[in-house]
Amino acid sequence: VFAHPKSLHTLCLLFYIFRHYSVLLFFLLQRFLKYFWLSISSVNIMSAINSN
């Protein structure tokens, strides 16, 4: 008798998705970090320009 077969199935599904889409997730994470870094850099540049 399984304790929680539905949660176990969800865990297996998540593992399957992560295994097959890890490259896609890594690509999306890379893009997100790039845009995040660009936005931080632009804010720093704008604050430096405003301070001068």
N, C-alpha and C. Protein backbone atom coordinates (compact mmCIF):
# COMPACT_ATOMS: atom_id res chain seq x y z
N VAL A 1 0.86 -1.20 0.00
CA VAL A 1 0.00 0.00 0.00
C VAL A 1 0.88 1.24 0.00
N PHE A 2 0.67 2.10 -0.99
CA PHE A 2 1.44 3.34 -1.05
C PHE A 2 0.83 4.39 -0.12
N ALA A 3 1.70 5.20 0.44
CA ALA A 3 1.22 6.25 1.34
C ALA A 3 0.52 7.35 0.53
N HIS A 4 1.21 7.88 -0.46
CA HIS A 4 0.63 8.93 -1.30
C HIS A 4 1.00 8.66 -2.75
N PRO A 5 0.24 7.81 -3.46
CA PRO A 5 0.59 7.50 -4.85
C PRO A 5 0.50 8.72 -5.77
N LYS A 6 -0.42 9.64 -5.46
CA LYS A 6 -0.57 10.81 -6.32
C LYS A 6 0.65 11.73 -6.21
N SER A 7 1.14 11.95 -4.98
CA SER A 7 2.31 12.80 -4.81
C SER A 7 3.56 12.12 -5.40
N LEU A 8 3.60 10.78 -5.29
CA LEU A 8 4.72 10.04 -5.88
C LEU A 8 4.70 10.18 -7.40
N HIS A 9 3.51 10.11 -7.98
CA HIS A 9 3.37 10.27 -9.42
C HIS A 9 3.79 11.68 -9.84
N THR A 10 3.40 12.68 -9.06
CA THR A 10 3.77 14.07 -9.35
C THR A 10 5.28 14.24 -9.29
N LEU A 11 5.90 13.59 -8.30
CA LEU A 11 7.35 13.68 -8.15
C LEU A 11 8.05 13.05 -9.35
N CYS A 12 7.55 11.90 -9.80
CA CYS A 12 8.12 11.24 -10.97
C CYS A 12 7.95 12.10 -12.21
N LEU A 13 6.78 12.75 -12.32
CA LEU A 13 6.53 13.61 -13.47
C LEU A 13 7.46 14.81 -13.46
N LEU A 14 7.67 15.39 -12.29
CA LEU A 14 8.58 16.53 -12.18
C LEU A 14 10.01 16.11 -12.53
N PHE A 15 10.41 14.92 -12.07
CA PHE A 15 11.74 14.43 -12.38
C PHE A 15 11.90 14.19 -13.88
N TYR A 16 10.84 13.65 -14.51
CA TYR A 16 10.86 13.42 -15.96
C TYR A 16 10.99 14.73 -16.71
N ILE A 17 10.19 15.73 -16.31
CA ILE A 17 10.24 17.05 -16.97
C ILE A 17 11.62 17.67 -16.78
N PHE A 18 12.14 17.60 -15.54
CA PHE A 18 13.44 18.21 -15.28
C PHE A 18 14.55 17.53 -16.07
N ARG A 19 14.44 16.20 -16.20
CA ARG A 19 15.49 15.47 -16.91
C ARG A 19 15.48 15.80 -18.40
N HIS A 20 14.30 15.95 -18.97
CA HIS A 20 14.22 16.18 -20.41
C HIS A 20 14.30 17.65 -20.79
N TYR A 21 13.96 18.54 -19.85
CA TYR A 21 13.96 19.96 -20.17
C TYR A 21 15.00 20.74 -19.38
N SER A 22 15.99 20.03 -18.83
CA SER A 22 17.00 20.72 -18.04
C SER A 22 17.79 21.71 -18.91
N VAL A 23 18.03 21.35 -20.17
CA VAL A 23 18.75 22.25 -21.07
C VAL A 23 17.91 23.51 -21.32
N LEU A 24 16.61 23.30 -21.55
CA LEU A 24 15.72 24.44 -21.78
C LEU A 24 15.62 25.31 -20.53
N LEU A 25 15.50 24.67 -19.36
CA LEU A 25 15.43 25.43 -18.11
C LEU A 25 16.72 26.20 -17.88
N PHE A 26 17.86 25.59 -18.18
CA PHE A 26 19.14 26.27 -18.01
C PHE A 26 19.23 27.46 -18.96
N PHE A 27 18.74 27.29 -20.19
CA PHE A 27 18.76 28.37 -21.18
C PHE A 27 17.89 29.53 -20.71
N LEU A 28 16.69 29.21 -20.21
CA LEU A 28 15.80 30.26 -19.71
C LEU A 28 16.39 30.96 -18.50
N LEU A 29 17.03 30.19 -17.61
CA LEU A 29 17.65 30.78 -16.44
C LEU A 29 18.79 31.71 -16.84
N GLN A 30 19.56 31.29 -17.85
CA GLN A 30 20.66 32.11 -18.34
C GLN A 30 20.14 33.43 -18.90
N ARG A 31 19.06 33.37 -19.70
CA ARG A 31 18.47 34.58 -20.26
C ARG A 31 17.94 35.49 -19.15
N PHE A 32 17.29 34.87 -18.16
CA PHE A 32 16.74 35.65 -17.05
C PHE A 32 17.86 36.36 -16.29
N LEU A 33 18.95 35.64 -16.02
CA LEU A 33 20.06 36.25 -15.29
C LEU A 33 20.71 37.36 -16.11
N LYS A 34 20.78 37.18 -17.45
CA LYS A 34 21.36 38.20 -18.31
C LYS A 34 20.52 39.48 -18.28
N TYR A 35 19.20 39.33 -18.43
CA TYR A 35 18.32 40.50 -18.39
C TYR A 35 18.32 41.14 -17.01
N PHE A 36 18.39 40.31 -15.97
CA PHE A 36 18.43 40.82 -14.60
C PHE A 36 19.71 41.64 -14.38
N TRP A 37 20.85 41.14 -14.87
CA TRP A 37 22.12 41.84 -14.74
C TRP A 37 22.11 43.13 -15.55
N LEU A 38 21.52 43.10 -16.77
CA LEU A 38 21.43 44.30 -17.59
C LEU A 38 20.57 45.36 -16.91
N SER A 39 19.46 44.94 -16.31
CA SER A 39 18.59 45.91 -15.64
C SER A 39 19.29 46.52 -14.43
N ILE A 40 20.03 45.71 -13.67
CA ILE A 40 20.78 46.23 -12.53
C ILE A 40 21.87 47.20 -13.00
N SER A 41 22.55 46.84 -14.08
CA SER A 41 23.61 47.70 -14.61
C SER A 41 23.04 49.02 -15.11
N SER A 42 21.89 48.97 -15.78
CA SER A 42 21.28 50.20 -16.29
C SER A 42 20.83 51.09 -15.13
N VAL A 43 20.32 50.49 -14.07
CA VAL A 43 19.92 51.27 -12.89
C VAL A 43 21.14 51.91 -12.25
N ASN A 44 22.24 51.17 -12.17
CA ASN A 44 23.46 51.73 -11.60
C ASN A 44 24.01 52.87 -12.45
N ILE A 45 23.94 52.70 -13.77
CA ILE A 45 24.42 53.75 -14.67
C ILE A 45 23.54 55.00 -14.54
N MET A 46 22.22 54.81 -14.48
CA MET A 46 21.32 55.95 -14.35
C MET A 46 21.54 56.67 -13.02
N SER A 47 21.76 55.94 -11.95
CA SER A 47 22.00 56.58 -10.66
C SER A 47 23.34 57.32 -10.66
N ALA A 48 24.34 56.76 -11.37
CA ALA A 48 25.63 57.42 -11.46
C ALA A 48 25.52 58.71 -12.27
N ILE A 49 24.72 58.66 -13.34
CA ILE A 49 24.52 59.87 -14.16
C ILE A 49 23.75 60.92 -13.36
N ASN A 50 22.75 60.52 -12.61
CA ASN A 50 21.96 61.47 -11.83
C ASN A 50 22.77 62.08 -10.70
N SER A 51 23.70 61.33 -10.14
CA SER A 51 24.49 61.85 -9.02
C SER A 51 25.51 62.88 -9.50
N ASN A 52 25.95 62.77 -10.76
CA ASN A 52 26.97 63.70 -11.27
C ASN A 52 26.40 65.03 -11.72
